[in-house]
Amino acid sequence: MSLRDQLLERMARPQRHRLLQGFPAVPAMSQAVPVRSDSDLEDGLGRLIRSFDGAAVDVGFDEAVKQLEEGKPRPLQSSDADPPQRRARIEALNAQTDARWVEDEPWLRAIVDSGGRAEAPWLNVDRSRDLIIGVIPHTQCVPRREACGFCTFPHDSPNKQERLRMVDAVARDIGAVGVHEALRGRRVHAAYLGGGTANLSSPEELERLLSALRSRFVLEDAELTLEGTPALFESWFSSHLKSLAKQSVAHRRISMGVQTFDARFLTLMGREKFGDAALVKKLVRKCRDLDITTSADLLFNLPGQTLEQMQKDVDTALSAGLEQICLYHLVLYDGLGTPWSKDASLVNAMPDTRRAAEHWLVLREKLLRAGYEQSTLTNFERSDVRAGPKRFRYEAASFAPDRTDAIGFGPLSLTTFVDWPRKRGLKLLRRKSLGPAPWSGEDLAYRYDEAGLRLFFLTRSLATTRVQLARYEATFGSSLHHDFGPVLEAARSEGLVTLDDSAVALTPLGMFYADTIVSTLANGRSQSGGAGVHTADLLKETPQVEQYRSMG
């Protein structure tokens, strides 16, 4: 199949229009470390732990050597994040030291005899690079319908005890990872508390995570964002906002999951109590008084939604005075695995791809005419804000891998570090359960070689809608046209990109089809196996493989 035919075939599929992951997508990642056996994980021995620099420490081997040298077992450790059966087993074994030694000594000798599996670092970490931190406190949310019907992000029903356990585990991970000499004391460019419904956590819970960050990093120069629903920002006498306003950082912001202001669609999502237009406007005014900037997410191309309804949502957001408005095209098709995708009437009410793209073009133009500048594929920032010291940092930095390292804490958080002089990189994805220390067990990893880094750089940069040719050549010593010319030329012929002497830029139409462009650039490299466990984490069932493996 020719590149043009590949492009056209992908353009006919549902589009994700966001490029959140870049290269590679989750299905191309594999297990972060090899596991000896299920029993090794259960007992907390015999496992490897991967570092963000690629080094692997054989915890089981080192522990077994110590115990044999001392001639007696050391107490096994557990945490609240461990499964109940593991905690009970450890307590029982620690209470019967002699019995445990009789049981464990042959096993420990077998581990030592098999040899340690430690690995040297894969890359060198440059402390001078910008560092951004993403923290996912938990994966809980509170819609009346499961995951609002459409959400493909990890989600769980609210449970305070489980949420507190997860916050404990996230704080533990911050402490364990942040002590590394390549991280400890580094100044943070931007920090983002999101995922699930982050402000479902109380201000006290979030303060605990911020305190854990401050014990390892320097936040005073950072932008700090808290994500959540409008109603929870209003609850508890706006204590989330008051707490955020007191944080000693350079800039504070909130990101609100609004989705739509239309009462009928909010009911369909089970989000009737999440906040209406009046509440959003009230929060914007309150945040302005507290020197906090505001951002809101809007969905468009909802099932049966007319263009007039989409425009009304955007007009309402504009009238609220938000500093940033983010537009996300709804991903919905038969076989996706979400509750809405199982409802034929909703799937059949979706616009075809061509009409969906036309809607995007109209909404984008409306925001530009209203004085907003497009900063990424989905984000529009008010011009006066973007020109000043409170321009939004986190998204821009996350799409500049040549300048920025990113570390994630919490369930299904992403971490990416790059060693540009050696042309090596590492991408890590934390498991949902946060069992053993990061990164181990069911955590995922991808090692970048130079070819992979070129795709990583290109797919991240395109999320800002353009790639500077000089910047690419300075990074890799080769031209973008030489490395990816045929695909870019095919995209240009379909009106998706423009090519000149300074940049490759997505056209407005190409922005909608960005997922198609980058999956064609990857040309099959994103389809190796290994991420089934996280598919189960993301959705209740496995979606159609060819659709799910696209880049967005």
Protein backbone atom coordinates (compact mmCIF):
# COMPACT_ATOMS: atom_id res chain seq x y z
CA MET A 1 0.00 0.00 0.00
CA SER A 2 1.39 3.40 -0.95
CA LEU A 3 1.97 6.08 1.67
CA ARG A 4 -0.89 8.09 0.21
CA ASP A 5 -3.21 5.09 0.44
CA GLN A 6 -2.10 4.47 4.04
CA LEU A 7 -2.83 8.08 4.86
CA LEU A 8 -6.27 7.99 3.24
CA GLU A 9 -7.14 4.71 4.95
CA ARG A 10 -6.23 6.15 8.34
CA MET A 11 -8.12 9.38 7.62
CA ALA A 12 -11.28 7.32 7.20
CA ARG A 13 -10.98 5.99 10.76
CA PRO A 14 -12.20 7.82 13.89
CA GLN A 15 -9.71 10.55 14.80
CA ARG A 16 -8.33 11.20 18.28
CA HIS A 17 -7.09 14.75 17.52
CA ARG A 18 -4.90 15.27 20.57
CA LEU A 19 -1.51 13.46 20.44
CA LEU A 20 -1.33 13.07 24.21
CA GLN A 21 1.11 10.17 24.12
CA GLY A 22 3.47 10.87 21.26
CA PHE A 23 5.63 7.98 20.09
CA PRO A 24 5.25 5.25 21.14
CA ALA A 25 1.61 4.62 22.06
CA VAL A 26 0.98 2.28 24.99
CA PRO A 27 0.61 -0.91 22.91
CA ALA A 28 4.21 -0.56 21.72
CA MET A 29 5.58 -0.54 25.26
CA SER A 30 6.70 -3.69 27.06
CA GLN A 31 7.22 -4.81 30.63
CA ALA A 32 9.61 -2.49 32.45
CA VAL A 33 11.46 -5.40 34.09
CA PRO A 34 11.31 -9.19 33.73
CA VAL A 35 9.62 -10.94 36.63
CA ARG A 36 10.87 -14.27 37.99
CA SER A 37 7.49 -15.64 39.06
CA ASP A 38 4.18 -14.69 40.66
CA SER A 39 5.38 -15.94 44.04
CA ASP A 40 8.40 -13.63 43.89
CA LEU A 41 6.10 -10.63 43.51
CA GLU A 42 3.83 -11.92 46.26
CA ASP A 43 6.68 -12.15 48.75
CA GLY A 44 8.32 -8.92 47.68
CA LEU A 45 11.60 -10.60 46.74
CA GLY A 46 13.19 -11.69 43.49
CA ARG A 47 12.14 -8.58 41.58
CA LEU A 48 13.89 -5.86 39.65
CA ILE A 49 13.23 -2.16 40.05
CA ARG A 50 13.84 0.09 37.04
CA SER A 51 15.07 3.67 37.47
CA PHE A 52 14.14 6.63 35.27
CA ASP A 53 17.73 6.47 33.91
CA GLY A 54 17.20 2.86 32.85
CA ALA A 55 19.29 1.26 35.58
CA ALA A 56 17.83 -1.89 37.15
CA VAL A 57 18.40 -2.92 40.75
CA ASP A 58 17.82 -6.58 41.60
CA VAL A 59 16.05 -6.12 44.93
CA GLY A 60 15.52 -9.83 45.47
CA PHE A 61 19.14 -10.73 44.80
CA ASP A 62 20.54 -8.00 47.04
CA GLU A 63 18.14 -8.87 49.85
CA ALA A 64 18.84 -12.58 49.55
CA VAL A 65 22.59 -11.99 49.76
CA LYS A 66 22.19 -9.90 52.93
CA GLN A 67 19.99 -12.45 54.61
CA LEU A 68 22.29 -15.36 53.86
CA GLU A 69 25.35 -13.40 55.02
CA GLU A 70 23.65 -12.61 58.33
CA GLY A 71 22.44 -16.17 58.76
CA LYS A 72 18.92 -15.08 59.59
CA PRO A 73 16.02 -13.54 57.74
CA ARG A 74 15.38 -9.82 57.74
CA PRO A 75 11.79 -8.68 58.35
CA LEU A 76 9.84 -8.44 55.16
CA GLN A 77 8.27 -5.06 54.50
CA SER A 78 4.74 -4.29 53.37
CA SER A 79 2.68 -1.15 52.79
CA ASP A 80 -0.97 -0.19 52.76
CA ALA A 81 -0.86 -0.33 48.97
CA ASP A 82 -0.11 -4.08 49.04
CA PRO A 83 -2.97 -6.56 48.55
CA PRO A 84 -4.46 -7.84 51.83
CA GLN A 85 -3.25 -11.40 51.21
CA ARG A 86 0.35 -10.20 50.82
CA ARG A 87 0.20 -8.13 54.03
CA ALA A 88 -1.27 -11.09 55.93
CA ARG A 89 1.43 -13.46 54.64
CA ILE A 90 4.23 -11.06 55.59
CA GLU A 91 2.79 -10.54 59.07
CA ALA A 92 2.54 -14.29 59.59
CA LEU A 93 6.08 -14.96 58.39
CA ASN A 94 7.57 -12.15 60.46
CA ALA A 95 5.80 -13.49 63.56
CA GLN A 96 7.40 -16.92 63.08
CA THR A 97 11.03 -16.11 62.41
CA ASP A 98 12.43 -19.61 62.76
CA ALA A 99 9.70 -21.16 60.67
CA ARG A 100 10.21 -18.51 58.04
CA TRP A 101 13.94 -19.19 57.89
CA VAL A 102 13.38 -22.90 57.35
CA GLU A 103 10.93 -22.04 54.57
CA ASP A 104 12.95 -19.25 52.97
CA GLU A 105 16.60 -20.36 53.14
CA PRO A 106 16.54 -22.78 50.16
CA TRP A 107 14.61 -20.26 48.11
CA LEU A 108 17.02 -17.44 48.99
CA ARG A 109 20.00 -19.62 48.04
CA ALA A 110 18.33 -20.39 44.71
CA ILE A 111 17.98 -16.66 44.03
CA VAL A 112 21.65 -16.01 44.84
CA ASP A 113 22.85 -19.02 42.84
CA SER A 114 20.94 -17.84 39.79
CA GLY A 115 22.92 -14.60 39.81
CA GLY A 116 21.93 -10.95 40.07
CA ARG A 117 20.15 -9.29 37.17
CA ALA A 118 21.14 -5.67 37.81
CA GLU A 119 21.57 -3.49 34.71
CA ALA A 120 23.67 -0.37 34.18
CA PRO A 121 21.92 2.95 33.40
CA TRP A 122 20.68 3.27 29.83
CA LEU A 123 21.19 7.03 29.75
CA ASN A 124 22.83 9.95 31.52
CA VAL A 125 20.50 12.47 33.16
CA ASP A 126 21.17 16.16 32.54
CA ARG A 127 20.16 18.21 35.60
CA SER A 128 20.29 21.45 33.62
CA ARG A 129 17.24 20.55 31.52
CA ASP A 130 13.76 21.80 32.39
CA LEU A 131 11.80 19.37 34.55
CA ILE A 132 8.03 19.02 34.65
CA ILE A 133 6.15 16.81 37.08
CA GLY A 134 2.75 15.21 36.64
CA VAL A 135 1.01 13.78 39.69
CA ILE A 136 -2.10 11.58 39.51
CA PRO A 137 -3.39 11.35 43.09
CA HIS A 138 -5.92 8.61 42.26
CA THR A 139 -8.16 7.33 39.46
CA GLN A 140 -11.53 7.97 41.08
CA CYS A 141 -14.37 10.08 39.68
CA VAL A 142 -17.99 10.68 40.58
CA PRO A 143 -20.34 10.73 37.57
CA ARG A 144 -23.80 9.21 37.96
CA ARG A 145 -23.05 7.07 34.91
CA GLU A 146 -19.95 4.94 34.53
CA ALA A 147 -17.05 7.12 33.37
CA CYS A 148 -19.51 9.65 31.94
CA GLY A 149 -20.23 7.04 29.26
CA PHE A 150 -17.42 8.13 26.96
CA CYS A 151 -14.20 8.32 28.98
CA THR A 152 -11.28 6.12 27.93
CA PHE A 153 -9.09 7.24 30.83
CA PRO A 154 -8.69 5.05 33.92
CA HIS A 155 -11.56 5.45 36.33
CA ASP A 156 -12.87 4.02 39.58
CA SER A 157 -15.87 4.70 41.77
CA PRO A 158 -15.28 6.98 44.76
CA ASN A 159 -14.01 5.23 47.88
CA LYS A 160 -12.33 7.34 50.53
CA GLN A 161 -10.33 4.52 52.12
CA GLU A 162 -8.94 3.35 48.77
CA ARG A 163 -8.24 6.95 47.76
CA LEU A 164 -6.24 7.58 50.93
CA ARG A 165 -4.27 4.39 50.32
CA MET A 166 -3.46 5.58 46.84
CA VAL A 167 -2.38 9.03 48.07
CA ASP A 168 -0.08 7.26 50.57
CA ALA A 169 1.39 5.16 47.77
CA VAL A 170 1.93 8.19 45.51
CA ALA A 171 3.66 10.08 48.33
CA ARG A 172 5.84 7.02 48.96
CA ASP A 173 6.84 6.88 45.29
CA ILE A 174 7.74 10.58 45.29
CA GLY A 175 9.98 10.04 48.28
CA ALA A 176 11.62 6.91 46.86
CA VAL A 177 12.28 8.27 43.37
CA GLY A 178 13.06 11.87 44.28
CA VAL A 179 16.00 10.90 46.46
CA HIS A 180 18.03 10.01 43.36
CA GLU A 181 20.94 12.42 42.94
CA ALA A 182 19.86 13.32 39.40
CA LEU A 183 16.51 14.59 40.75
CA ARG A 184 17.01 15.73 44.32
CA GLY A 185 16.91 19.51 44.58
CA ARG A 186 16.06 20.14 40.92
CA ARG A 187 14.01 23.20 40.15
CA VAL A 188 10.63 22.36 38.65
CA HIS A 189 9.36 24.29 35.61
CA ALA A 190 5.73 23.17 35.98
CA ALA A 191 3.76 20.69 38.08
CA TYR A 192 0.32 19.32 37.26
CA LEU A 193 -2.04 17.51 39.65
CA GLY A 194 -4.58 15.73 37.50
CA GLY A 195 -6.02 12.46 36.31
CA GLY A 196 -9.29 11.01 37.51
CA THR A 197 -10.97 13.85 39.37
CA ALA A 198 -7.97 15.24 41.22
CA ASN A 199 -9.95 17.69 43.36
CA LEU A 200 -11.98 14.79 44.72
CA SER A 201 -9.03 14.56 47.09
CA SER A 202 -9.31 16.97 49.99
CA PRO A 203 -6.97 19.96 50.24
CA GLU A 204 -5.21 18.11 53.05
CA GLU A 205 -4.55 15.09 50.83
CA LEU A 206 -3.22 17.27 48.05
CA GLU A 207 -1.08 19.22 50.51
CA ARG A 208 0.52 15.95 51.56
CA LEU A 209 1.54 15.28 47.97
CA LEU A 210 2.85 18.81 47.54
CA SER A 211 4.85 18.46 50.75
CA ALA A 212 6.33 15.23 49.41
CA LEU A 213 7.31 17.05 46.22
CA ARG A 214 8.85 19.92 48.17
CA SER A 215 10.94 17.47 50.20
CA ARG A 216 12.69 16.40 47.01
CA PHE A 217 12.29 19.23 44.49
CA VAL A 218 12.23 23.04 44.34
CA LEU A 219 8.77 24.34 43.42
CA GLU A 220 9.16 28.08 44.00
CA ASP A 221 9.72 28.83 40.30
CA ALA A 222 7.04 26.44 39.06
CA GLU A 223 3.62 26.80 37.53
CA LEU A 224 1.21 24.68 39.62
CA THR A 225 -2.03 23.34 38.15
CA LEU A 226 -4.88 21.52 39.89
CA GLU A 227 -7.37 19.69 37.71
CA GLY A 228 -10.95 18.80 38.63
CA THR A 229 -14.66 19.45 38.25
CA PRO A 230 -16.19 22.90 38.82
CA ALA A 231 -18.55 21.71 41.59
CA LEU A 232 -15.70 20.35 43.70
CA PHE A 233 -13.76 23.59 43.34
CA GLU A 234 -16.83 25.30 44.82
CA SER A 235 -17.43 22.79 47.63
CA TRP A 236 -15.85 22.95 51.08
CA PHE A 237 -16.15 26.75 50.93
CA SER A 238 -13.73 26.88 47.99
CA SER A 239 -10.97 25.48 50.20
CA HIS A 240 -9.18 23.99 47.20
CA LEU A 241 -8.84 27.44 45.68
CA LYS A 242 -7.82 29.05 48.96
CA SER A 243 -5.21 26.35 49.52
CA LEU A 244 -3.90 26.72 45.98
CA ALA A 245 -3.66 30.50 46.36
CA LYS A 246 -1.35 30.05 49.37
CA GLN A 247 1.14 27.83 47.56
CA SER A 248 4.60 29.32 47.23
CA VAL A 249 5.02 28.97 43.47
CA ALA A 250 5.45 31.27 40.49
CA HIS A 251 1.99 30.81 39.03
CA ARG A 252 -1.21 28.97 40.00
CA ARG A 253 -3.96 27.69 37.73
CA ILE A 254 -6.93 25.33 37.70
CA SER A 255 -8.14 23.15 34.84
CA MET A 256 -11.86 22.35 34.88
CA GLY A 257 -13.47 19.38 33.17
CA VAL A 258 -16.59 21.14 31.87
CA GLN A 259 -17.18 19.05 28.69
CA THR A 260 -20.41 20.90 27.81
CA PHE A 261 -22.85 23.45 29.21
CA ASP A 262 -25.84 21.74 27.55
CA ALA A 263 -28.16 20.32 30.23
CA ARG A 264 -29.33 17.44 28.03
CA PHE A 265 -25.81 16.21 27.34
CA LEU A 266 -24.78 16.68 30.97
CA THR A 267 -27.66 14.41 31.98
CA LEU A 268 -26.61 11.86 29.38
CA MET A 269 -23.12 11.92 30.91
CA GLY A 270 -24.36 11.78 34.49
CA ARG A 271 -22.66 15.11 35.18
CA GLU A 272 -25.73 17.14 36.18
CA LYS A 273 -24.14 18.05 39.53
CA PHE A 274 -20.70 18.86 38.16
CA GLY A 275 -21.38 22.54 37.52
CA ASP A 276 -23.22 24.74 35.04
CA ALA A 277 -22.33 27.95 33.20
CA ALA A 278 -23.21 30.16 36.17
CA LEU A 279 -20.87 28.22 38.44
CA VAL A 280 -18.00 28.31 35.94
CA LYS A 281 -18.35 32.10 35.61
CA LYS A 282 -18.43 32.42 39.40
CA LEU A 283 -15.25 30.34 39.73
CA VAL A 284 -13.45 32.42 37.11
CA ARG A 285 -14.24 35.59 39.07
CA LYS A 286 -13.16 34.01 42.35
CA CYS A 287 -9.93 32.73 40.82
CA ARG A 288 -9.15 36.14 39.39
CA ASP A 289 -9.45 37.58 42.92
CA LEU A 290 -7.07 34.88 44.20
CA ASP A 291 -4.55 35.41 41.36
CA ILE A 292 -5.31 31.99 39.86
CA THR A 293 -5.74 31.52 36.12
CA THR A 294 -8.43 29.24 34.71
CA SER A 295 -8.72 26.67 31.95
CA ALA A 296 -11.68 24.56 30.85
CA ASP A 297 -12.07 21.48 28.64
CA LEU A 298 -14.93 21.29 26.15
CA LEU A 299 -15.99 18.29 24.07
CA PHE A 300 -17.42 18.74 20.60
CA ASN A 301 -18.97 16.31 18.12
CA LEU A 302 -21.07 14.70 20.84
CA PRO A 303 -23.70 12.21 19.57
CA GLY A 304 -26.36 14.17 17.70
CA GLN A 305 -24.86 17.53 18.70
CA THR A 306 -25.48 20.24 16.15
CA LEU A 307 -22.89 22.77 15.08
CA GLU A 308 -25.07 25.49 16.63
CA GLN A 309 -24.95 23.68 19.99
CA MET A 310 -21.16 23.35 19.74
CA GLN A 311 -20.84 27.05 18.99
CA LYS A 312 -23.09 27.89 21.91
CA ASP A 313 -20.79 25.94 24.24
CA VAL A 314 -17.79 27.88 22.95
CA ASP A 315 -19.65 31.20 23.26
CA THR A 316 -20.55 30.37 26.86
CA ALA A 317 -16.92 29.55 27.65
CA LEU A 318 -15.81 32.80 26.05
CA SER A 319 -18.31 34.81 28.07
CA ALA A 320 -16.97 33.25 31.27
CA GLY A 321 -13.61 34.99 30.76
CA LEU A 322 -11.46 31.84 30.87
CA GLU A 323 -7.77 32.35 30.19
CA GLN A 324 -7.59 29.03 28.33
CA ILE A 325 -10.19 26.97 26.45
CA CYS A 326 -9.40 23.43 25.29
CA LEU A 327 -11.40 21.70 22.54
CA TYR A 328 -11.51 17.91 22.36
CA HIS A 329 -13.22 15.97 19.58
CA LEU A 330 -15.16 13.03 21.06
CA VAL A 331 -13.71 9.60 20.27
CA LEU A 332 -16.61 7.15 19.87
CA TYR A 333 -17.01 4.12 17.64
CA ASP A 334 -18.42 0.61 17.83
CA GLY A 335 -15.96 -1.65 19.64
CA LEU A 336 -14.17 1.06 21.61
CA GLY A 337 -15.20 -0.55 24.90
CA THR A 338 -16.81 2.46 26.60
CA PRO A 339 -20.46 2.38 27.73
CA TRP A 340 -21.52 4.82 25.00
CA SER A 341 -19.83 2.71 22.31
CA LYS A 342 -22.23 -0.14 23.14
CA ASP A 343 -25.26 2.04 22.47
CA ALA A 344 -25.96 1.85 18.74
CA SER A 345 -28.20 4.91 18.83
CA LEU A 346 -25.33 7.04 20.18
CA VAL A 347 -22.72 5.61 17.81
CA ASN A 348 -25.04 6.12 14.84
CA ALA A 349 -25.64 9.73 15.90
CA MET A 350 -21.94 10.58 15.53
CA PRO A 351 -20.98 12.78 12.55
CA ASP A 352 -18.85 11.21 9.86
CA THR A 353 -15.18 12.14 9.88
CA ARG A 354 -15.53 14.77 7.15
CA ARG A 355 -18.32 16.63 8.98
CA ALA A 356 -16.51 16.25 12.30
CA ALA A 357 -13.47 17.97 10.75
CA GLU A 358 -15.66 20.76 9.36
CA HIS A 359 -17.03 21.40 12.85
CA TRP A 360 -13.45 21.67 14.16
CA LEU A 361 -12.59 24.27 11.56
CA VAL A 362 -15.59 26.44 12.50
CA LEU A 363 -14.94 26.25 16.24
CA ARG A 364 -11.23 26.94 15.84
CA GLU A 365 -11.92 30.04 13.78
CA LYS A 366 -14.42 31.27 16.38
CA LEU A 367 -11.81 31.12 19.13
CA LEU A 368 -9.18 32.87 17.01
CA ARG A 369 -11.60 35.68 16.17
CA ALA A 370 -12.36 36.07 19.87
CA GLY A 371 -8.72 36.90 20.63
CA TYR A 372 -7.39 33.48 21.60
CA GLU A 373 -4.15 32.04 20.21
CA GLN A 374 -3.72 28.36 19.50
CA SER A 375 -0.83 26.97 21.56
CA THR A 376 -1.33 23.24 20.93
CA LEU A 377 -3.64 21.06 18.87
CA THR A 378 -6.41 21.39 21.45
CA ASN A 379 -5.50 24.42 23.59
CA PHE A 380 -6.38 28.06 22.97
CA GLU A 381 -4.95 30.73 25.22
CA ARG A 382 -6.14 34.29 25.52
CA SER A 383 -3.66 36.52 23.66
CA ASP A 384 -2.98 38.88 26.57
CA VAL A 385 -2.22 35.94 28.87
CA ARG A 386 -0.01 34.16 26.37
CA ALA A 387 2.08 37.30 25.95
CA GLY A 388 2.68 37.70 29.69
CA PRO A 389 4.40 35.92 32.59
CA LYS A 390 1.34 33.76 33.33
CA ARG A 391 1.24 31.97 30.00
CA PHE A 392 0.54 28.29 30.49
CA ARG A 393 3.76 26.36 30.80
CA TYR A 394 3.01 22.71 31.41
CA GLU A 395 1.59 21.81 28.01
CA ALA A 396 4.19 23.78 26.07
CA ALA A 397 7.03 22.19 28.03
CA SER A 398 5.63 18.68 27.63
CA PHE A 399 5.77 19.12 23.84
CA ALA A 400 9.43 20.23 23.86
CA PRO A 401 11.36 16.99 24.49
CA ASP A 402 14.62 18.55 23.32
CA ARG A 403 14.46 20.89 26.33
CA THR A 404 12.34 19.12 28.94
CA ASP A 405 12.38 15.95 31.03
CA ALA A 406 9.09 14.76 32.50
CA ILE A 407 8.52 12.60 35.53
CA GLY A 408 5.17 11.19 36.58
CA PHE A 409 3.93 9.93 39.93
CA GLY A 410 0.72 8.04 40.55
CA PRO A 411 -1.37 5.39 38.80
CA LEU A 412 -0.77 5.24 35.02
CA SER A 413 1.58 8.23 35.12
CA LEU A 414 4.14 8.73 32.35
CA THR A 415 7.85 9.50 32.71
CA THR A 416 10.25 10.42 29.90
CA PHE A 417 13.97 11.18 30.11
CA VAL A 418 16.30 11.74 27.15
CA ASP A 419 20.08 11.71 26.83
CA TRP A 420 20.49 13.78 23.68
CA PRO A 421 24.31 13.58 23.39
CA ARG A 422 24.07 9.76 23.31
CA LYS A 423 20.75 9.79 21.40
CA ARG A 424 19.04 7.57 23.96
CA GLY A 425 15.81 7.90 25.85
CA LEU A 426 13.44 6.03 28.14
CA LYS A 427 9.67 6.21 28.52
CA LEU A 428 8.04 4.62 31.58
CA LEU A 429 4.41 4.03 32.50
CA ARG A 430 3.43 3.28 36.09
CA ARG A 431 0.95 0.53 36.85
CA LYS A 432 -2.52 1.37 38.05
CA SER A 433 -2.29 -0.49 41.36
CA LEU A 434 1.04 1.05 42.50
CA GLY A 435 2.06 -2.22 44.12
CA PRO A 436 5.87 -2.60 44.36
CA ALA A 437 8.19 0.36 43.99
CA PRO A 438 8.40 2.14 40.62
CA TRP A 439 9.11 0.92 38.03
CA SER A 440 8.58 -2.82 38.40
CA GLY A 441 6.04 -5.60 38.06
CA GLU A 442 3.41 -4.61 35.53
CA ASP A 443 4.90 -1.16 34.83
CA LEU A 444 5.78 -0.57 31.18
CA ALA A 445 8.84 0.83 29.43
CA TYR A 446 10.17 1.78 25.99
CA ARG A 447 13.84 2.33 25.21
CA TYR A 448 14.50 4.91 22.53
CA ASP A 449 17.34 4.52 20.08
CA GLU A 450 18.14 7.40 17.71
CA ALA A 451 15.45 6.41 15.21
CA GLY A 452 12.88 6.21 17.99
CA LEU A 453 13.93 9.60 19.33
CA ARG A 454 13.36 11.17 15.93
CA LEU A 455 9.78 9.90 15.98
CA PHE A 456 9.38 10.97 19.60
CA PHE A 457 10.65 14.49 18.85
CA LEU A 458 8.48 14.80 15.75
CA THR A 459 5.25 13.49 17.27
CA ARG A 460 5.62 15.69 20.37
CA SER A 461 6.52 18.76 18.34
CA LEU A 462 3.57 18.34 15.98
CA ALA A 463 1.28 18.67 19.00
CA THR A 464 2.25 22.36 18.92
CA THR A 465 1.11 22.37 15.24
CA ARG A 466 4.57 22.97 13.72
CA VAL A 467 8.16 21.68 13.70
CA GLN A 468 11.06 24.07 13.19
CA LEU A 469 13.46 22.55 10.67
CA ALA A 470 16.54 24.21 12.19
CA ARG A 471 15.64 22.86 15.63
CA TYR A 472 15.28 19.33 14.28
CA GLU A 473 18.57 19.53 12.39
CA ALA A 474 20.40 20.93 15.42
CA THR A 475 19.15 18.02 17.49
CA PHE A 476 19.80 15.15 15.07
CA GLY A 477 22.31 16.48 12.54
CA SER A 478 20.04 15.56 9.65
CA SER A 479 17.16 17.20 7.84
CA LEU A 480 13.52 16.47 8.54
CA HIS A 481 12.87 16.20 4.81
CA HIS A 482 15.59 13.56 4.47
CA ASP A 483 14.27 11.48 7.38
CA PHE A 484 10.52 11.75 6.79
CA GLY A 485 10.14 13.39 3.38
CA PRO A 486 7.85 10.83 1.65
CA VAL A 487 5.25 10.83 4.44
CA LEU A 488 5.32 14.60 4.79
CA GLU A 489 4.93 14.99 1.04
CA ALA A 490 1.92 12.63 1.07
CA ALA A 491 0.40 14.67 3.89
CA ARG A 492 1.08 17.87 1.97
CA SER A 493 -0.65 16.51 -1.13
CA GLU A 494 -3.79 15.91 0.96
CA GLY A 495 -3.71 19.45 2.38
CA LEU A 496 -2.70 18.33 5.88
CA VAL A 497 0.68 20.09 6.19
CA THR A 498 2.58 22.95 4.63
CA LEU A 499 6.31 22.70 3.91
CA ASP A 500 8.71 25.60 3.52
CA ASP A 501 12.34 26.42 4.26
CA SER A 502 11.75 27.03 7.96
CA ALA A 503 9.06 24.64 9.22
CA VAL A 504 6.62 21.84 8.70
CA ALA A 505 3.25 23.12 9.89
CA LEU A 506 -0.09 21.41 10.25
CA THR A 507 -2.87 23.08 8.32
CA PRO A 508 -6.13 23.64 10.23
CA LEU A 509 -7.46 20.49 8.55
CA GLY A 510 -4.22 18.66 9.33
CA MET A 511 -4.66 19.51 13.01
CA PHE A 512 -7.83 17.44 13.07
CA TYR A 513 -6.03 14.57 11.31
CA ALA A 514 -2.80 14.85 13.36
CA ASP A 515 -3.30 11.35 14.71
CA THR A 516 -3.38 10.02 11.13
CA ILE A 517 -0.19 11.87 10.23
CA VAL A 518 1.90 10.64 13.15
CA SER A 519 0.68 7.04 12.91
CA THR A 520 1.75 7.07 9.25
CA LEU A 521 5.11 8.53 10.26
CA ALA A 522 5.52 5.72 12.80
CA ASN A 523 4.73 3.30 9.94
CA GLY A 524 4.01 0.24 12.04
CA ARG A 525 6.60 0.77 14.78
CA SER A 526 3.78 1.50 17.24
CA GLN A 527 2.24 -1.94 16.79
CA SER A 528 4.57 -4.27 18.64
CA GLY A 529 2.94 -6.08 21.53
CA GLY A 530 3.19 -6.03 25.29
CA ALA A 531 0.66 -3.64 26.85
CA GLY A 532 -2.41 -5.79 27.35
CA VAL A 533 -2.51 -5.26 31.09
CA HIS A 534 -2.88 -1.53 30.66
CA THR A 535 -5.59 -1.90 28.07
CA ALA A 536 -7.55 -3.67 30.81
CA ASP A 537 -6.72 -0.80 33.16
CA LEU A 538 -7.91 1.85 30.73
CA LEU A 539 -11.18 0.19 29.74
CA LYS A 540 -13.41 -2.60 30.96
CA GLU A 541 -12.67 -4.62 27.84
CA THR A 542 -10.14 -4.71 25.02
CA PRO A 543 -11.04 -2.30 22.20
CA GLN A 544 -10.60 -3.08 18.53
CA VAL A 545 -6.86 -3.39 18.13
CA GLU A 546 -6.26 -1.45 14.93
CA GLN A 547 -8.19 1.57 16.21
CA TYR A 548 -6.67 1.51 19.68
CA ARG A 549 -3.11 1.32 18.39
CA SER A 550 -3.29 4.69 16.71
CA MET A 551 -0.99 7.32 18.14
CA GLY A 552 -3.31 9.60 20.09
